[in-house]
Protein backbone atom coordinates (compact mmCIF):
# COMPACT_ATOMS: atom_id res chain seq x y z
CA MET A 1 0.04 -0.03 -0.01
CA LEU A 2 1.36 3.41 -1.05
CA ARG A 3 1.28 6.55 0.72
CA ALA A 4 1.25 9.41 -1.87
CA LEU A 5 1.67 13.01 -2.13
CA ALA A 6 0.44 14.93 -5.11
CA VAL A 7 1.97 18.39 -5.97
CA ASP A 8 0.38 20.78 -8.35
CA ASP A 9 -0.29 24.48 -8.27
CA GLU A 10 -3.44 24.23 -10.30
CA GLN A 11 -6.22 23.32 -7.84
CA PRO A 12 -8.56 21.57 -10.31
CA SER A 13 -5.71 19.34 -11.55
CA LEU A 14 -4.64 18.57 -7.97
CA GLU A 15 -8.19 17.63 -6.96
CA GLU A 16 -8.52 15.34 -9.96
CA LEU A 17 -5.18 13.68 -9.31
CA LEU A 18 -6.10 13.19 -5.58
CA TYR A 19 -9.52 11.78 -6.69
CA LEU A 20 -7.90 9.17 -8.94
CA LEU A 21 -5.22 8.29 -6.44
CA ASN A 22 -7.63 7.75 -3.62
CA ALA A 23 -9.73 5.53 -5.85
CA ASP A 24 -6.77 3.14 -6.53
CA PRO A 25 -6.80 0.26 -4.05
CA ARG A 26 -3.01 0.16 -3.92
CA VAL A 27 -2.90 3.66 -2.42
CA SER A 28 -3.66 3.85 1.32
CA SER A 29 -3.53 7.58 1.55
CA ALA A 30 -3.04 10.60 -0.81
CA GLU A 31 -2.32 14.12 0.33
CA GLY A 32 -1.94 17.35 -1.70
CA ALA A 33 0.36 20.26 -1.81
CA SER A 34 -0.09 23.44 -4.00
CA ASP A 35 3.53 24.16 -4.49
CA ALA A 36 6.97 22.82 -4.21
CA THR A 37 7.81 24.55 -1.01
CA GLU A 38 4.84 23.15 0.78
CA ALA A 39 5.72 19.74 -0.58
CA LEU A 40 9.19 20.01 0.65
CA ARG A 41 8.10 20.71 4.12
CA ARG A 42 5.81 17.67 4.08
CA ILE A 43 8.57 15.44 2.68
CA ASN A 44 10.89 16.64 5.40
CA ARG A 45 8.44 15.56 8.00
CA ALA A 46 8.15 12.23 6.23
CA LEU A 47 11.96 11.73 6.21
CA GLN A 48 12.10 12.51 9.83
CA SER A 49 9.38 9.98 10.60
CA GLY A 50 11.33 7.21 8.85
CA PRO A 51 10.01 4.67 6.21
CA GLY A 52 7.66 3.00 8.69
CA GLY A 53 6.65 6.21 10.44
CA PRO A 54 3.17 7.70 10.54
CA GLU A 55 4.23 10.65 8.43
CA ALA A 56 5.99 8.46 5.77
CA ILE A 57 5.55 9.12 2.00
CA ASP A 58 6.32 6.43 -0.56
CA VAL A 59 5.74 8.33 -3.86
CA VAL A 60 5.42 11.97 -4.92
CA PHE A 61 3.26 12.63 -8.02
CA LEU A 62 4.83 15.95 -9.11
CA ASP A 63 3.79 18.61 -11.65
CA ILE A 64 6.78 20.31 -13.39
CA HIS A 65 5.71 23.94 -14.14
CA MET A 66 5.07 25.58 -10.85
CA PRO A 67 5.81 29.16 -9.56
CA GLY A 68 9.14 29.40 -7.59
CA LEU A 69 10.65 26.00 -7.17
CA ASP A 70 9.60 23.80 -10.10
CA GLY A 71 9.08 20.11 -10.20
CA LEU A 72 12.46 19.34 -11.67
CA ASP A 73 14.10 21.44 -8.93
CA LEU A 74 12.28 19.53 -6.27
CA ALA A 75 13.24 16.13 -7.71
CA ARG A 76 16.93 17.10 -7.66
CA LEU A 77 16.72 18.11 -4.12
CA LEU A 78 15.02 14.76 -3.23
CA GLY A 79 17.82 12.98 -4.97
CA GLY A 80 20.18 14.22 -2.48
CA PHE A 81 18.44 12.46 0.53
CA ALA A 82 19.46 9.01 1.72
CA GLN A 83 15.97 7.58 1.29
CA PRO A 84 13.84 9.81 -0.82
CA PRO A 85 10.37 8.94 -2.00
CA LEU A 86 9.81 7.75 -5.51
CA VAL A 87 8.85 10.33 -8.06
CA VAL A 88 6.27 10.23 -10.68
CA PHE A 89 6.10 13.34 -13.01
CA VAL A 90 2.45 14.40 -14.00
CA THR A 91 2.63 17.23 -16.58
CA ALA A 92 1.16 18.68 -19.60
CA HIS A 93 4.59 19.24 -21.16
CA GLU A 94 6.21 16.43 -23.20
CA GLY A 95 9.68 18.06 -23.47
CA PHE A 96 11.05 17.20 -20.07
CA ALA A 97 11.25 13.35 -20.34
CA VAL A 98 14.94 13.28 -20.76
CA GLN A 99 15.49 15.31 -17.55
CA ALA A 100 12.94 13.13 -15.74
CA PHE A 101 14.89 9.95 -16.94
CA GLU A 102 18.15 11.44 -15.60
CA LEU A 103 16.43 12.14 -12.24
CA LYS A 104 15.47 8.49 -11.97
CA ALA A 105 11.74 9.10 -12.08
CA VAL A 106 9.58 6.06 -11.93
CA ASP A 107 7.21 7.30 -14.68
CA TYR A 108 6.19 10.28 -16.72
CA VAL A 109 2.40 10.76 -17.15
CA LEU A 110 1.04 13.35 -19.55
CA LYS A 111 -1.99 15.55 -18.79
CA PRO A 112 -4.91 15.21 -19.16
CA VAL A 113 -4.54 12.23 -16.85
CA ARG A 114 -6.30 9.10 -17.78
CA ARG A 115 -7.39 6.77 -15.06
CA GLU A 116 -5.69 3.63 -16.63
CA ARG A 117 -2.46 5.52 -17.38
CA LEU A 118 -2.27 6.75 -13.69
CA ALA A 119 -2.96 3.21 -12.62
CA GLU A 120 0.06 1.96 -14.53
CA ALA A 121 2.23 4.59 -12.81
CA VAL A 122 0.89 3.52 -9.47
CA ARG A 123 1.75 -0.11 -10.36
CA ARG A 124 5.35 0.91 -11.16
CA ALA A 125 5.67 2.81 -8.00
CA ALA A 126 4.26 -0.17 -5.96
CA GLN A 127 7.06 -2.50 -7.21
CA PRO A 128 9.98 -3.25 -4.88
CA ARG A 129 12.58 -0.40 -4.78
CA ASP A 130 15.27 -2.56 -6.41
CA THR A 131 13.07 -3.60 -9.42
CA ALA A 132 11.11 -0.30 -9.98
CA PRO A 133 11.79 0.58 -13.64
CA LEU A 134 12.94 3.95 -14.85
CA ILE A 135 10.74 6.19 -16.82
CA PRO A 136 9.65 4.41 -19.96
CA VAL A 137 10.85 6.96 -22.49
CA HIS A 138 9.87 4.82 -25.48
CA GLU A 139 6.20 5.06 -24.67
CA PRO A 140 5.20 7.96 -22.33
CA ASP A 141 1.83 8.00 -23.91
CA PRO A 142 -0.06 5.72 -26.36
CA ASP A 143 -0.81 8.75 -28.58
CA HIS A 144 3.00 9.41 -29.00
CA ILE A 145 6.21 7.63 -29.68
CA SER A 146 9.71 8.96 -28.68
CA VAL A 147 12.43 9.35 -31.13
CA GLU A 148 16.14 10.40 -30.57
CA LEU A 149 17.40 13.32 -32.63
CA GLY A 150 20.82 14.76 -31.98
CA GLY A 151 20.83 13.43 -28.54
CA VAL A 152 17.46 14.94 -27.76
CA THR A 153 14.33 12.89 -27.16
CA ARG A 154 11.31 14.19 -29.03
CA PHE A 155 7.72 12.89 -29.20
CA VAL A 156 5.96 12.23 -32.48
CA ALA A 157 2.18 12.08 -32.57
CA VAL A 158 1.07 8.65 -33.85
CA GLU A 159 -1.63 10.31 -35.99
CA ASP A 160 1.06 12.36 -37.82
CA ILE A 161 2.80 9.09 -39.05
CA THR A 162 1.89 8.25 -42.54
CA HIS A 163 3.81 4.98 -42.99
CA VAL A 164 6.53 2.90 -41.37
CA GLU A 165 9.41 1.15 -43.11
CA ALA A 166 11.24 -1.88 -41.70
CA HIS A 167 15.04 -1.76 -41.29
CA GLY A 168 15.91 -5.02 -39.57
CA ASP A 169 15.43 -4.62 -35.87
CA TYR A 170 14.68 -0.87 -36.44
CA ALA A 171 11.89 1.02 -38.13
CA ARG A 172 11.77 4.32 -39.86
CA LEU A 173 8.69 6.42 -39.13
CA HIS A 174 7.58 8.72 -41.93
CA THR A 175 5.74 12.00 -41.42
CA ALA A 176 4.97 14.92 -43.57
CA GLN A 177 7.79 16.78 -41.70
CA GLY A 178 10.46 14.07 -42.15
CA SER A 179 11.50 10.66 -40.90
CA HIS A 180 12.77 9.12 -37.73
CA LEU A 181 14.59 5.82 -36.92
CA VAL A 182 13.54 3.90 -33.83
CA ARG A 183 14.88 0.71 -32.43
CA ILE A 184 11.51 -1.09 -32.59
CA PRO A 185 10.75 -3.96 -34.94
CA LEU A 186 7.97 -3.43 -37.54
CA SER A 187 6.09 -6.42 -36.22
CA THR A 188 5.83 -4.71 -32.68
CA LEU A 189 4.51 -1.48 -34.23
CA GLU A 190 2.05 -3.55 -36.27
CA GLU A 191 0.63 -5.16 -33.21
CA ARG A 192 0.64 -1.99 -31.17
CA TRP A 193 -1.01 0.26 -33.72
CA ARG A 194 -3.43 -2.20 -35.46
CA SER A 195 -6.43 -0.70 -33.48
CA ARG A 196 -5.20 2.81 -34.55
CA GLY A 197 -5.75 2.12 -38.27
CA PHE A 198 -2.38 0.92 -39.24
CA VAL A 199 -2.12 -2.04 -41.66
CA ARG A 200 0.58 -4.20 -43.07
CA ILE A 201 0.73 -3.95 -46.88
CA HIS A 202 4.21 -5.49 -47.48
CA ARG A 203 7.00 -7.28 -45.40
CA ARG A 204 8.71 -3.91 -45.29
CA HIS A 205 5.82 -1.44 -44.96
CA LEU A 206 3.13 -0.62 -42.45
CA VAL A 207 0.78 2.22 -43.51
CA ALA A 208 -1.95 4.46 -41.84
CA LEU A 209 -5.29 3.92 -43.70
CA ARG A 210 -6.30 7.48 -43.17
CA HIS A 211 -3.23 8.70 -45.16
CA ILE A 212 -3.81 6.47 -48.15
CA GLY A 213 -4.91 8.87 -51.08
CA GLU A 214 -5.02 6.14 -53.85
CA LEU A 215 -5.11 2.52 -54.59
CA ARG A 216 -3.51 1.74 -57.91
CA LEU A 217 -3.66 -1.39 -60.17
CA ASP A 218 -1.07 -1.58 -62.94
CA ALA A 219 -0.49 -4.75 -64.91
CA GLY A 220 -1.39 -6.99 -61.92
CA THR A 221 0.65 -4.92 -59.49
CA VAL A 222 -1.08 -3.12 -56.70
CA SER A 223 0.24 0.02 -54.90
CA VAL A 224 -0.94 2.79 -52.77
CA LEU A 225 -0.22 6.42 -52.80
CA VAL A 226 0.59 7.73 -49.21
CA ASP A 227 1.11 11.47 -49.10
CA SER A 228 2.71 11.48 -52.62
CA VAL A 229 4.87 8.37 -51.90
CA GLU A 230 3.98 5.20 -53.87
CA LEU A 231 4.29 1.94 -51.99
CA GLN A 232 3.90 -1.51 -53.32
CA VAL A 233 1.29 -3.90 -51.83
CA SER A 234 2.27 -7.51 -51.74
CA ARG A 235 -0.20 -10.13 -52.97
CA ARG A 236 -0.82 -11.69 -49.63
CA HIS A 237 -1.91 -8.41 -48.22
CA THR A 238 -3.93 -7.02 -51.20
CA ARG A 239 -7.33 -8.56 -50.26
CA GLN A 240 -7.08 -7.44 -46.56
CA LEU A 241 -6.10 -3.88 -47.58
CA ARG A 242 -8.97 -3.65 -50.15
CA ASP A 243 -11.52 -4.95 -47.51
CA LEU A 244 -10.25 -2.38 -45.05
CA LEU A 245 -10.43 0.51 -47.47
CA LEU A 246 -13.89 -0.54 -48.70
CA ARG A 247 -15.17 -0.73 -45.04
CA ARG A 248 -13.61 2.68 -44.32
CA THR A 249 -15.38 4.31 -47.33
CA THR A 250 -18.86 2.82 -46.65
CA SER A 251 -18.75 3.36 -42.86
């Protein structure tokens, strides 16, 4: 059972987070703090109380952008203690995942907070300390996928991806703005994004149905036009693709 502290300077967000935490059966108690200074005072009492004491806190759910001391600053301060509570960042901003990873956060949850996503963060925090995973930078949110660019982690919206090309154990994600190489096999992305309208058309290609502009037939060869890029469709995938496109146009 976890004893949680939620920190957010926006009262509606704090109340919603506390409501969701108190509804989770793995959370025995959840308190709120409206800024990092108040949270630090509460955490100091917890540390003085000890891990098994009445004031103990196991995990802090921490917003990043707050007036004065921000969430990253507070997490850095906690990292200097001998037995600090775990940290889960809860923020509307995607661009701090790398810093959160470096601060050994357990998870990084994007606002608006979904009940099932917060439940996953609670599950990670409830694991034994020596097995608790670091922030999952490859999947901070099902609507985005992280990519590395010049040593910086960026998040690409899945809906912006037109098609994916296999490169062994890697895959290249194509968008209207450019392409990104990720170390995820095409088969994994196919399984993960099937429900989001992606379909396999070839052993090397996965495409988003919503980005298919044309289906072409030329001398028995089938291809699709995806944002001005023509991709061949293999024979084994042709019937399934036609059925999906027909279903999509008549629904």
